[in-house]
């Protein structure tokens, strides 16, 4: 995989220009989404992802703040895509059976 260095020591761009944490396959956007979804501190991110060094985590978060507009747009695009796929998939047969059995609402 061809990687391009950035001004952030532990963030590289893959061949498609997607920022990833150096030495891993984790995208910066994935780390940021986890932090947003769970409210994790950098220390909690490290606890949940022990293969990441604290320096990698802080570098990825610094990259996010430097490119917040672009990464937030990527997050929004991912959300819209997931919603579109959910709508196209229609109701879940499993959920329908569970509702019929009154096991879920």
PDB file of N, CA and C in Angstrom:
ATOM      1  N   UNK A   1       0.848  -1.179   0.000  1.00  0.00           N
ATOM      2  CA  UNK A   1       0.000   0.000   0.000  1.00  0.00           C
ATOM      3  C   UNK A   1       0.891   1.238   0.000  1.00  0.00           C
ATOM      4  N   UNK A   2       0.617   2.154  -0.889  1.00  0.00           N
ATOM      5  CA  UNK A   2       1.356   3.403  -0.960  1.00  0.00           C
ATOM      6  C   UNK A   2       0.780   4.393   0.040  1.00  0.00           C
ATOM      7  N   UNK A   3       1.664   4.955   0.877  1.00  0.00           N
ATOM      8  CA  UNK A   3       1.228   5.911   1.890  1.00  0.00           C
ATOM      9  C   UNK A   3       1.968   7.223   1.692  1.00  0.00           C
ATOM     10  N   UNK A   4       1.294   8.309   2.012  1.00  0.00           N
ATOM     11  CA  UNK A   4       1.876   9.641   1.907  1.00  0.00           C
ATOM     12  C   UNK A   4       1.949  10.241   3.295  1.00  0.00           C
ATOM     13  N   UNK A   5       3.107  10.784   3.636  1.00  0.00           N
ATOM     14  CA  UNK A   5       3.294  11.408   4.946  1.00  0.00           C
ATOM     15  C   UNK A   5       2.473  12.696   5.029  1.00  0.00           C
ATOM     16  N   UNK A   6       2.118  13.057   6.255  1.00  0.00           N
ATOM     17  CA  UNK A   6       1.436  14.326   6.516  1.00  0.00           C
ATOM     18  C   UNK A   6       2.271  15.097   7.520  1.00  0.00           C
ATOM     19  N   UNK A   7       1.837  16.293   7.869  1.00  0.00           N
ATOM     20  CA  UNK A   7       2.542  17.077   8.873  1.00  0.00           C
ATOM     21  C   UNK A   7       2.352  16.500  10.274  1.00  0.00           C
ATOM     22  N   UNK A   8       1.442  15.534  10.398  1.00  0.00           N
ATOM     23  CA  UNK A   8       1.208  14.853  11.665  1.00  0.00           C
ATOM     24  C   UNK A   8       1.989  13.544  11.642  1.00  0.00           C
ATOM     25  N   UNK A   9       2.910  13.403  12.587  1.00  0.00           N
ATOM     26  CA  UNK A   9       3.862  12.299  12.578  1.00  0.00           C
ATOM     27  C   UNK A   9       3.217  10.928  12.428  1.00  0.00           C
ATOM     28  N   UNK A  10       2.096  10.695  13.079  1.00  0.00           N
ATOM     29  CA  UNK A  10       1.488   9.370  13.092  1.00  0.00           C
ATOM     30  C   UNK A  10       0.251   9.256  12.222  1.00  0.00           C
ATOM     31  N   UNK A  11       0.099  10.147  11.268  1.00  0.00           N
ATOM     32  CA  UNK A  11      -1.026  10.077  10.325  1.00  0.00           C
ATOM     33  C   UNK A  11      -0.462  10.083   8.916  1.00  0.00           C
ATOM     34  N   UNK A  12      -0.937   9.127   8.119  1.00  0.00           N
ATOM     35  CA  UNK A  12      -0.535   9.033   6.720  1.00  0.00           C
ATOM     36  C   UNK A  12      -1.785   8.977   5.853  1.00  0.00           C
ATOM     37  N   UNK A  13      -1.629   9.341   4.603  1.00  0.00           N
ATOM     38  CA  UNK A  13      -2.733   9.261   3.644  1.00  0.00           C
ATOM     39  C   UNK A  13      -2.531   8.019   2.792  1.00  0.00           C
ATOM     40  N   UNK A  14      -3.599   7.223   2.640  1.00  0.00           N
ATOM     41  CA  UNK A  14      -3.491   6.052   1.773  1.00  0.00           C
ATOM     42  C   UNK A  14      -3.582   6.498   0.316  1.00  0.00           C
ATOM     43  N   UNK A  15      -3.581   5.544  -0.599  1.00  0.00           N
ATOM     44  CA  UNK A  15      -3.563   5.893  -2.026  1.00  0.00           C
ATOM     45  C   UNK A  15      -4.812   6.637  -2.474  1.00  0.00           C
ATOM     46  N   UNK A  16      -5.891   6.551  -1.678  1.00  0.00           N
ATOM     47  CA  UNK A  16      -7.117   7.285  -1.993  1.00  0.00           C
ATOM     48  C   UNK A  16      -7.195   8.623  -1.266  1.00  0.00           C
ATOM     49  N   UNK A  17      -6.156   8.944  -0.478  1.00  0.00           N
ATOM     50  CA  UNK A  17      -6.134  10.202   0.266  1.00  0.00           C
ATOM     51  C   UNK A  17      -6.854  10.135   1.603  1.00  0.00           C
ATOM     52  N   UNK A  18      -7.159   8.927   2.061  1.00  0.00           N
ATOM     53  CA  UNK A  18      -7.845   8.744   3.341  1.00  0.00           C
ATOM     54  C   UNK A  18      -6.805   8.728   4.460  1.00  0.00           C
ATOM     55  N   UNK A  19      -6.968   9.579   5.473  1.00  0.00           N
ATOM     56  CA  UNK A  19      -6.000   9.593   6.568  1.00  0.00           C
ATOM     57  C   UNK A  19      -6.147   8.359   7.460  1.00  0.00           C
ATOM     58  N   UNK A  20      -5.017   7.659   7.649  1.00  0.00           N
ATOM     59  CA  UNK A  20      -4.980   6.495   8.528  1.00  0.00           C
ATOM     60  C   UNK A  20      -3.900   6.698   9.575  1.00  0.00           C
ATOM     61  N   UNK A  21      -4.030   5.979  10.678  1.00  0.00           N
ATOM     62  CA  UNK A  21      -3.035   6.050  11.733  1.00  0.00           C
ATOM     63  C   UNK A  21      -1.844   5.197  11.299  1.00  0.00           C
ATOM     64  N   UNK A  22      -0.673   5.792  11.265  1.00  0.00           N
ATOM     65  CA  UNK A  22       0.534   5.126  10.786  1.00  0.00           C
ATOM     66  C   UNK A  22       0.762   3.810  11.516  1.00  0.00           C
ATOM     67  N   UNK A  23       1.112   2.783  10.746  1.00  0.00           N
ATOM     68  CA  UNK A  23       1.395   1.473  11.304  1.00  0.00           C
ATOM     69  C   UNK A  23       0.160   0.639  11.585  1.00  0.00           C
ATOM     70  N   UNK A  24      -1.016   1.145  11.218  1.00  0.00           N
ATOM     71  CA  UNK A  24      -2.273   0.425  11.441  1.00  0.00           C
ATOM     72  C   UNK A  24      -3.127   0.521  10.179  1.00  0.00           C
ATOM     73  N   UNK A  25      -4.279  -0.088  10.240  1.00  0.00           N
ATOM     74  CA  UNK A  25      -5.264   0.080   9.161  1.00  0.00           C
ATOM     75  C   UNK A  25      -6.428   0.946   9.633  1.00  0.00           C
ATOM     76  N   UNK A  26      -6.321   1.508  10.843  1.00  0.00           N
ATOM     77  CA  UNK A  26      -7.411   2.318  11.387  1.00  0.00           C
ATOM     78  C   UNK A  26      -7.423   3.704  10.757  1.00  0.00           C
ATOM     79  N   UNK A  27      -8.595   4.074  10.263  1.00  0.00           N
ATOM     80  CA  UNK A  27      -8.775   5.402   9.697  1.00  0.00           C
ATOM     81  C   UNK A  27      -8.976   6.405  10.828  1.00  0.00           C
ATOM     82  N   UNK A  28      -8.491   7.619  10.612  1.00  0.00           N
ATOM     83  CA  UNK A  28      -8.674   8.681  11.601  1.00  0.00           C
ATOM     84  C   UNK A  28     -10.159   8.879  11.869  1.00  0.00           C
ATOM     85  N   UNK A  29     -10.982   8.835  10.837  1.00  0.00           N
ATOM     86  CA  UNK A  29     -12.421   9.046  11.007  1.00  0.00           C
ATOM     87  C   UNK A  29     -13.027   7.982  11.917  1.00  0.00           C
ATOM     88  N   UNK A  30     -12.526   6.751  11.873  1.00  0.00           N
ATOM     89  CA  UNK A  30     -13.050   5.693  12.736  1.00  0.00           C
ATOM     90  C   UNK A  30     -12.729   5.970  14.201  1.00  0.00           C
ATOM     91  N   UNK A  31     -11.531   6.453  14.465  1.00  0.00           N
ATOM     92  CA  UNK A  31     -11.161   6.810  15.834  1.00  0.00           C
ATOM     93  C   UNK A  31     -12.022   7.955  16.341  1.00  0.00           C
ATOM     94  N   UNK A  32     -12.229   8.959  15.499  1.00  0.00           N
ATOM     95  CA  UNK A  32     -13.040  10.115  15.879  1.00  0.00           C
ATOM     96  C   UNK A  32     -14.490   9.707  16.111  1.00  0.00           C
ATOM     97  N   UNK A  33     -15.027   8.847  15.248  1.00  0.00           N
ATOM     98  CA  UNK A  33     -16.411   8.392  15.432  1.00  0.00           C
ATOM     99  C   UNK A  33     -16.568   7.632  16.748  1.00  0.00           C
ATOM    100  N   UNK A  34     -15.589   6.818  17.099  1.00  0.00           N
ATOM    101  CA  UNK A  34     -15.650   6.091  18.375  1.00  0.00           C
ATOM    102  C   UNK A  34     -15.622   7.074  19.541  1.00  0.00           C
ATOM    103  N   UNK A  35     -14.775   8.086  19.433  1.00  0.00           N
ATOM    104  CA  UNK A  35     -14.702   9.077  20.506  1.00  0.00           C
ATOM    105  C   UNK A  35     -16.038   9.816  20.630  1.00  0.00           C
ATOM    106  N   UNK A  36     -16.626  10.181  19.519  1.00  0.00           N
ATOM    107  CA  UNK A  36     -17.912  10.893  19.543  1.00  0.00           C
ATOM    108  C   UNK A  36     -19.035   9.994  20.066  1.00  0.00           C
ATOM    109  N   UNK A  37     -19.079   8.767  19.596  1.00  0.00           N
ATOM    110  CA  UNK A  37     -20.175   7.862  19.946  1.00  0.00           C
ATOM    111  C   UNK A  37     -20.155   7.484  21.420  1.00  0.00           C
ATOM    112  N   UNK A  38     -18.969   7.265  21.955  1.00  0.00           N
ATOM    113  CA  UNK A  38     -18.869   6.765  23.327  1.00  0.00           C
ATOM    114  C   UNK A  38     -18.380   7.802  24.326  1.00  0.00           C
ATOM    115  N   UNK A  39     -17.957   8.969  23.838  1.00  0.00           N
ATOM    116  CA  UNK A  39     -17.447  10.003  24.734  1.00  0.00           C
ATOM    117  C   UNK A  39     -16.111   9.638  25.360  1.00  0.00           C
ATOM    118  N   UNK A  40     -15.341   8.828  24.652  1.00  0.00           N
ATOM    119  CA  UNK A  40     -14.073   8.344  25.191  1.00  0.00           C
ATOM    120  C   UNK A  40     -13.006   9.424  25.249  1.00  0.00           C
ATOM    121  N   UNK A  41     -12.257   9.438  26.315  1.00  0.00           N
ATOM    122  CA  UNK A  41     -11.061  10.263  26.423  1.00  0.00           C
ATOM    123  C   UNK A  41      -9.946   9.561  25.642  1.00  0.00           C
ATOM    124  N   UNK A  42      -8.847  10.261  25.347  1.00  0.00           N
ATOM    125  CA  UNK A  42      -7.717   9.582  24.689  1.00  0.00           C
ATOM    126  C   UNK A  42      -7.236   8.359  25.479  1.00  0.00           C
ATOM    127  N   UNK A  43      -7.272   8.452  26.800  1.00  0.00           N
ATOM    128  CA  UNK A  43      -6.853   7.318  27.624  1.00  0.00           C
ATOM    129  C   UNK A  43      -7.801   6.134  27.469  1.00  0.00           C
ATOM    130  N   UNK A  44      -9.104   6.412  27.366  1.00  0.00           N
ATOM    131  CA  UNK A  44     -10.072   5.334  27.172  1.00  0.00           C
ATOM    132  C   UNK A  44      -9.932   4.734  25.771  1.00  0.00           C
ATOM    133  N   UNK A  45      -9.648   5.565  24.792  1.00  0.00           N
ATOM    134  CA  UNK A  45      -9.402   5.042  23.439  1.00  0.00           C
ATOM    135  C   UNK A  45      -8.230   4.069  23.491  1.00  0.00           C
ATOM    136  N   UNK A  46      -7.177   4.449  24.224  1.00  0.00           N
ATOM    137  CA  UNK A  46      -6.007   3.568  24.359  1.00  0.00           C
ATOM    138  C   UNK A  46      -6.384   2.269  25.067  1.00  0.00           C
ATOM    139  N   UNK A  47      -7.220   2.356  26.085  1.00  0.00           N
ATOM    140  CA  UNK A  47      -7.660   1.155  26.788  1.00  0.00           C
ATOM    141  C   UNK A  47      -8.447   0.244  25.848  1.00  0.00           C
ATOM    142  N   UNK A  48      -9.317   0.832  25.033  1.00  0.00           N
ATOM    143  CA  UNK A  48     -10.143   0.052  24.109  1.00  0.00           C
ATOM    144  C   UNK A  48      -9.354  -0.457  22.905  1.00  0.00           C
ATOM    145  N   UNK A  49      -8.307   0.254  22.544  1.00  0.00           N
ATOM    146  CA  UNK A  49      -7.465  -0.101  21.384  1.00  0.00           C
ATOM    147  C   UNK A  49      -6.008  -0.116  21.846  1.00  0.00           C
ATOM    148  N   UNK A  50      -5.607  -1.121  22.619  1.00  0.00           N
ATOM    149  CA  UNK A  50      -4.262  -1.119  23.204  1.00  0.00           C
ATOM    150  C   UNK A  50      -3.126  -1.194  22.187  1.00  0.00           C
ATOM    151  N   UNK A  51      -3.422  -1.547  20.944  1.00  0.00           N
ATOM    152  CA  UNK A  51      -2.403  -1.573  19.905  1.00  0.00           C
ATOM    153  C   UNK A  51      -2.030  -0.168  19.442  1.00  0.00           C
ATOM    154  N   UNK A  52      -2.823   0.839  19.827  1.00  0.00           N
ATOM    155  CA  UNK A  52      -2.510   2.228  19.485  1.00  0.00           C
ATOM    156  C   UNK A  52      -1.694   2.859  20.614  1.00  0.00           C
ATOM    157  N   UNK A  53      -0.614   3.518  20.257  1.00  0.00           N
ATOM    158  CA  UNK A  53       0.170   4.269  21.236  1.00  0.00           C
ATOM    159  C   UNK A  53      -0.543   5.599  21.496  1.00  0.00           C
ATOM    160  N   UNK A  54      -0.329   6.132  22.679  1.00  0.00           N
ATOM    161  CA  UNK A  54      -0.944   7.424  23.007  1.00  0.00           C
ATOM    162  C   UNK A  54      -0.522   8.484  21.990  1.00  0.00           C
ATOM    163  N   UNK A  55       0.724   8.423  21.538  1.00  0.00           N
ATOM    164  CA  UNK A  55       1.183   9.400  20.546  1.00  0.00           C
ATOM    165  C   UNK A  55       0.416   9.268  19.238  1.00  0.00           C
ATOM    166  N   UNK A  56       0.056   8.058  18.843  1.00  0.00           N
ATOM    167  CA  UNK A  56      -0.750   7.861  17.634  1.00  0.00           C
ATOM    168  C   UNK A  56      -2.150   8.447  17.829  1.00  0.00           C
ATOM    169  N   UNK A  57      -2.713   8.230  19.004  1.00  0.00           N
ATOM    170  CA  UNK A  57      -4.065   8.723  19.296  1.00  0.00           C
ATOM    171  C   UNK A  57      -4.088  10.246  19.281  1.00  0.00           C
ATOM    172  N   UNK A  58      -3.152  10.873  19.987  1.00  0.00           N
ATOM    173  CA  UNK A  58      -3.128  12.340  20.025  1.00  0.00           C
ATOM    174  C   UNK A  58      -2.828  12.932  18.645  1.00  0.00           C
ATOM    175  N   UNK A  59      -1.975  12.266  17.870  1.00  0.00           N
ATOM    176  CA  UNK A  59      -1.686  12.745  16.522  1.00  0.00           C
ATOM    177  C   UNK A  59      -2.938  12.677  15.644  1.00  0.00           C
ATOM    178  N   UNK A  60      -3.692  11.578  15.762  1.00  0.00           N
ATOM    179  CA  UNK A  60      -4.927  11.430  14.980  1.00  0.00           C
ATOM    180  C   UNK A  60      -5.955  12.480  15.393  1.00  0.00           C
ATOM    181  N   UNK A  61      -6.069  12.734  16.694  1.00  0.00           N
ATOM    182  CA  UNK A  61      -7.013  13.751  17.167  1.00  0.00           C
ATOM    183  C   UNK A  61      -6.582  15.147  16.729  1.00  0.00           C
ATOM    184  N   UNK A  62      -5.288  15.422  16.738  1.00  0.00           N
ATOM    185  CA  UNK A  62      -4.800  16.715  16.258  1.00  0.00           C
ATOM    186  C   UNK A  62      -5.099  16.865  14.767  1.00  0.00           C
ATOM    187  N   UNK A  63      -4.913  15.784  14.013  1.00  0.00           N
ATOM    188  CA  UNK A  63      -5.239  15.807  12.587  1.00  0.00           C
ATOM    189  C   UNK A  63      -6.719  16.132  12.402  1.00  0.00           C
ATOM    190  N   UNK A  64      -7.570  15.499  13.214  1.00  0.00           N
ATOM    191  CA  UNK A  64      -9.002  15.769  13.120  1.00  0.00           C
ATOM    192  C   UNK A  64      -9.286  17.259  13.322  1.00  0.00           C
ATOM    193  N   UNK A  65      -8.713  17.853  14.352  1.00  0.00           N
ATOM    194  CA  UNK A  65      -8.998  19.265  14.622  1.00  0.00           C
ATOM    195  C   UNK A  65      -8.441  20.174  13.532  1.00  0.00           C
ATOM    196  N   UNK A  66      -7.342  19.769  12.910  1.00  0.00           N
ATOM    197  CA  UNK A  66      -6.799  20.563  11.800  1.00  0.00           C
ATOM    198  C   UNK A  66      -7.639  20.429  10.535  1.00  0.00           C
ATOM    199  N   UNK A  67      -8.335  19.304  10.385  1.00  0.00           N
ATOM    200  CA  UNK A  67      -9.144  19.040   9.188  1.00  0.00           C
ATOM    201  C   UNK A  67     -10.586  18.722   9.564  1.00  0.00           C
ATOM    202  N   UNK A  68     -11.076  19.390  10.587  1.00  0.00           N
ATOM    203  CA  UNK A  68     -12.396  19.115  11.157  1.00  0.00           C
ATOM    204  C   UNK A  68     -13.510  19.210  10.115  1.00  0.00           C
ATOM    205  N   UNK A  69     -13.494  20.230   9.313  1.00  0.00           N
ATOM    206  CA  UNK A  69     -14.565  20.425   8.330  1.00  0.00           C
ATOM    207  C   UNK A  69     -14.636  19.233   7.363  1.00  0.00           C
ATOM    208  N   UNK A  70     -13.494  18.804   6.860  1.00  0.00           N
ATOM    209  CA  UNK A  70     -13.467  17.699   5.906  1.00  0.00           C
ATOM    210  C   UNK A  70     -13.870  16.373   6.564  1.00  0.00           C
ATOM    211  N   UNK A  71     -13.378  16.126   7.766  1.00  0.00           N
ATOM    212  CA  UNK A  71     -13.686  14.865   8.438  1.00  0.00           C
ATOM    213  C   UNK A  71     -15.139  14.845   8.900  1.00  0.00           C
ATOM    214  N   UNK A  72     -15.648  15.971   9.375  1.00  0.00           N
ATOM    215  CA  UNK A  72     -17.068  16.031   9.745  1.00  0.00           C
ATOM    216  C   UNK A  72     -17.957  15.784   8.525  1.00  0.00           C
ATOM    217  N   UNK A  73     -17.557  16.285   7.363  1.00  0.00           N
ATOM    218  CA  UNK A  73     -18.322  16.031   6.136  1.00  0.00           C
ATOM    219  C   UNK A  73     -18.277  14.545   5.788  1.00  0.00           C
ATOM    220  N   UNK A  74     -17.132  13.896   5.989  1.00  0.00           N
ATOM    221  CA  UNK A  74     -17.012  12.458   5.755  1.00  0.00           C
ATOM    222  C   UNK A  74     -17.922  11.685   6.709  1.00  0.00           C
ATOM    223  N   UNK A  75     -17.953  12.090   7.971  1.00  0.00           N
ATOM    224  CA  UNK A  75     -18.823  11.440   8.951  1.00  0.00           C
ATOM    225  C   UNK A  75     -20.285  11.580   8.536  1.00  0.00           C
ATOM    226  N   UNK A  76     -20.676  12.757   8.114  1.00  0.00           N
ATOM    227  CA  UNK A  76     -22.056  12.995   7.675  1.00  0.00           C
ATOM    228  C   UNK A  76     -22.387  12.148   6.444  1.00  0.00           C
ATOM    229  N   UNK A  77     -21.457  12.060   5.513  1.00  0.00           N
ATOM    230  CA  UNK A  77     -21.678  11.257   4.307  1.00  0.00           C
ATOM    231  C   UNK A  77     -21.830   9.777   4.670  1.00  0.00           C
ATOM    232  N   UNK A  78     -21.022   9.292   5.603  1.00  0.00           N
ATOM    233  CA  UNK A  78     -21.131   7.903   6.047  1.00  0.00           C
ATOM    234  C   UNK A  78     -22.491   7.649   6.703  1.00  0.00           C
ATOM    235  N   UNK A  79     -22.940   8.594   7.524  1.00  0.00           N
ATOM    236  CA  UNK A  79     -24.239   8.460   8.188  1.00  0.00           C
ATOM    237  C   UNK A  79     -25.365   8.415   7.157  1.00  0.00           C
ATOM    238  N   UNK A  80     -25.325   9.320   6.188  1.00  0.00           N
ATOM    239  CA  UNK A  80     -26.364   9.354   5.160  1.00  0.00           C
ATOM    240  C   UNK A  80     -26.377   8.061   4.346  1.00  0.00           C
ATOM    241  N   UNK A  81     -25.205   7.524   4.048  1.00  0.00           N
ATOM    242  CA  UNK A  81     -25.123   6.270   3.303  1.00  0.00           C
ATOM    243  C   UNK A  81     -25.734   5.135   4.122  1.00  0.00           C
ATOM    244  N   UNK A  82     -25.400   5.068   5.404  1.00  0.00           N
ATOM    245  CA  UNK A  82     -25.943   4.020   6.276  1.00  0.00           C
ATOM    246  C   UNK A  82     -27.465   4.132   6.367  1.00  0.00           C
ATOM    247  N   UNK A  83     -27.973   5.344   6.485  1.00  0.00           N
ATOM    248  CA  UNK A  83     -29.429   5.545   6.538  1.00  0.00           C
ATOM    249  C   UNK A  83     -30.087   5.111   5.240  1.00  0.00           C
ATOM    250  N   UNK A  84     -29.476   5.441   4.120  1.00  0.00           N
ATOM    251  CA  UNK A  84     -30.017   5.049   2.820  1.00  0.00           C
ATOM    252  C   UNK A  84     -30.057   3.520   2.708  1.00  0.00           C
ATOM    253  N   UNK A  85     -28.988   2.860   3.110  1.00  0.00           N
ATOM    254  CA  UNK A  85     -28.937   1.397   3.045  1.00  0.00           C
ATOM    255  C   UNK A  85     -29.970   0.772   3.987  1.00  0.00           C
ATOM    256  N   UNK A  86     -30.156   1.366   5.169  1.00  0.00           N
ATOM    257  CA  UNK A  86     -31.149   0.860   6.121  1.00  0.00           C
ATOM    258  C   UNK A  86     -32.549   0.954   5.526  1.00  0.00           C
ATOM    259  N   UNK A  87     -32.849   2.082   4.898  1.00  0.00           N
ATOM    260  CA  UNK A  87     -34.167   2.274   4.291  1.00  0.00           C
ATOM    261  C   UNK A  87     -34.382   1.319   3.122  1.00  0.00           C
ATOM    262  N   UNK A  88     -33.344   1.131   2.302  1.00  0.00           N
ATOM    263  CA  UNK A  88     -33.467   0.232   1.158  1.00  0.00           C
ATOM    264  C   UNK A  88     -33.618  -1.220   1.596  1.00  0.00           C
ATOM    265  N   UNK A  89     -33.024  -1.575   2.718  1.00  0.00           N
ATOM    266  CA  UNK A  89     -33.100  -2.955   3.209  1.00  0.00           C
ATOM    267  C   UNK A  89     -34.492  -3.283   3.728  1.00  0.00           C
ATOM    268  N   UNK A  90     -35.215  -2.266   4.169  1.00  0.00           N
ATOM    269  CA  UNK A  90     -36.564  -2.497   4.677  1.00  0.00           C
ATOM    270  C   UNK A  90     -36.548  -3.105   6.065  1.00  0.00           C
ATOM    271  N   UNK A  91     -37.725  -3.494   6.529  1.00  0.00           N
ATOM    272  CA  UNK A  91     -37.834  -4.042   7.879  1.00  0.00           C
ATOM    273  C   UNK A  91     -37.059  -5.351   8.016  1.00  0.00           C
ATOM    274  N   UNK A  92     -36.501  -5.544   9.160  1.00  0.00           N
ATOM    275  CA  UNK A  92     -35.760  -6.766   9.453  1.00  0.00           C
ATOM    276  C   UNK A  92     -36.728  -7.910   9.735  1.00  0.00           C
ATOM    277  N   UNK A  93     -36.575  -9.043   9.050  1.00  0.00           N
ATOM    278  CA  UNK A  93     -37.440 -10.191   9.338  1.00  0.00           C
ATOM    279  C   UNK A  93     -37.305 -10.654  10.799  1.00  0.00           C
ATOM    280  N   UNK A  94     -36.121 -10.592  11.333  1.00  0.00           N
ATOM    281  CA  UNK A  94     -35.919 -10.984  12.732  1.00  0.00           C
ATOM    282  C   UNK A  94     -36.679 -10.041  13.660  1.00  0.00           C
ATOM    283  N   UNK A  95     -36.559  -8.736  13.420  1.00  0.00           N
ATOM    284  CA  UNK A  95     -37.273  -7.772  14.249  1.00  0.00           C
ATOM    285  C   UNK A  95     -38.783  -7.981  14.144  1.00  0.00           C
ATOM    286  N   UNK A  96     -39.270  -8.295  12.957  1.00  0.00           N
ATOM    287  CA  UNK A  96     -40.706  -8.547  12.784  1.00  0.00           C
ATOM    288  C   UNK A  96     -41.153  -9.750  13.607  1.00  0.00           C
ATOM    289  N   UNK A  97     -40.366 -10.818  13.610  1.00  0.00           N
ATOM    290  CA  UNK A  97     -40.714 -12.005  14.410  1.00  0.00           C
ATOM    291  C   UNK A  97     -40.681 -11.679  15.899  1.00  0.00           C
ATOM    292  N   UNK A  98     -39.693 -10.931  16.328  1.00  0.00           N
ATOM    293  CA  UNK A  98     -39.594 -10.569  17.743  1.00  0.00           C
ATOM    294  C   UNK A  98     -40.746  -9.662  18.160  1.00  0.00           C
ATOM    295  N   UNK A  99     -41.156  -8.744  17.265  1.00  0.00           N
ATOM    296  CA  UNK A  99     -42.307  -7.891  17.562  1.00  0.00           C
ATOM    297  C   UNK A  99     -43.579  -8.733  17.661  1.00  0.00           C
ATOM    298  N   UNK A 100     -43.731  -9.685  16.753  1.00  0.00           N
ATOM    299  CA  UNK A 100     -44.907 -10.547  16.770  1.00  0.00           C
ATOM    300  C   UNK A 100     -44.988 -11.355  18.068  1.00  0.00           C
ATOM    301  N   UNK A 101     -43.852 -11.674  18.627  1.00  0.00           N
ATOM    302  CA  UNK A 101     -43.788 -12.404  19.895  1.00  0.00           C
ATOM    303  C   UNK A 101     -43.783 -11.463  21.099  1.00  0.00           C
ATOM    304  N   UNK A 102     -43.909 -10.173  20.797  1.00  0.00           N
ATOM    305  CA  UNK A 102     -43.910  -9.116  21.825  1.00  0.00           C
ATOM    306  C   UNK A 102     -42.643  -9.122  22.668  1.00  0.00           C
ATOM    307  N   UNK A 103     -41.529  -9.471  22.030  1.00  0.00           N
ATOM    308  CA  UNK A 103     -40.255  -9.466  22.735  1.00  0.00           C
ATOM    309  C   UNK A 103     -39.529  -8.131  22.586  1.00  0.00           C
ATOM    310  N   UNK A 104     -39.908  -7.370  21.553  1.00  0.00           N
ATOM    311  CA  UNK A 104     -39.414  -6.007  21.368  1.00  0.00           C
ATOM    312  C   UNK A 104     -40.567  -5.133  20.911  1.00  0.00           C
ATOM    313  N   UNK A 105     -40.364  -3.827  20.994  1.00  0.00           N
ATOM    314  CA  UNK A 105     -41.400  -2.884  20.542  1.00  0.00           C
ATOM    315  C   UNK A 105     -41.162  -2.455  19.125  1.00  0.00           C
TER     316      UNK A 105
END
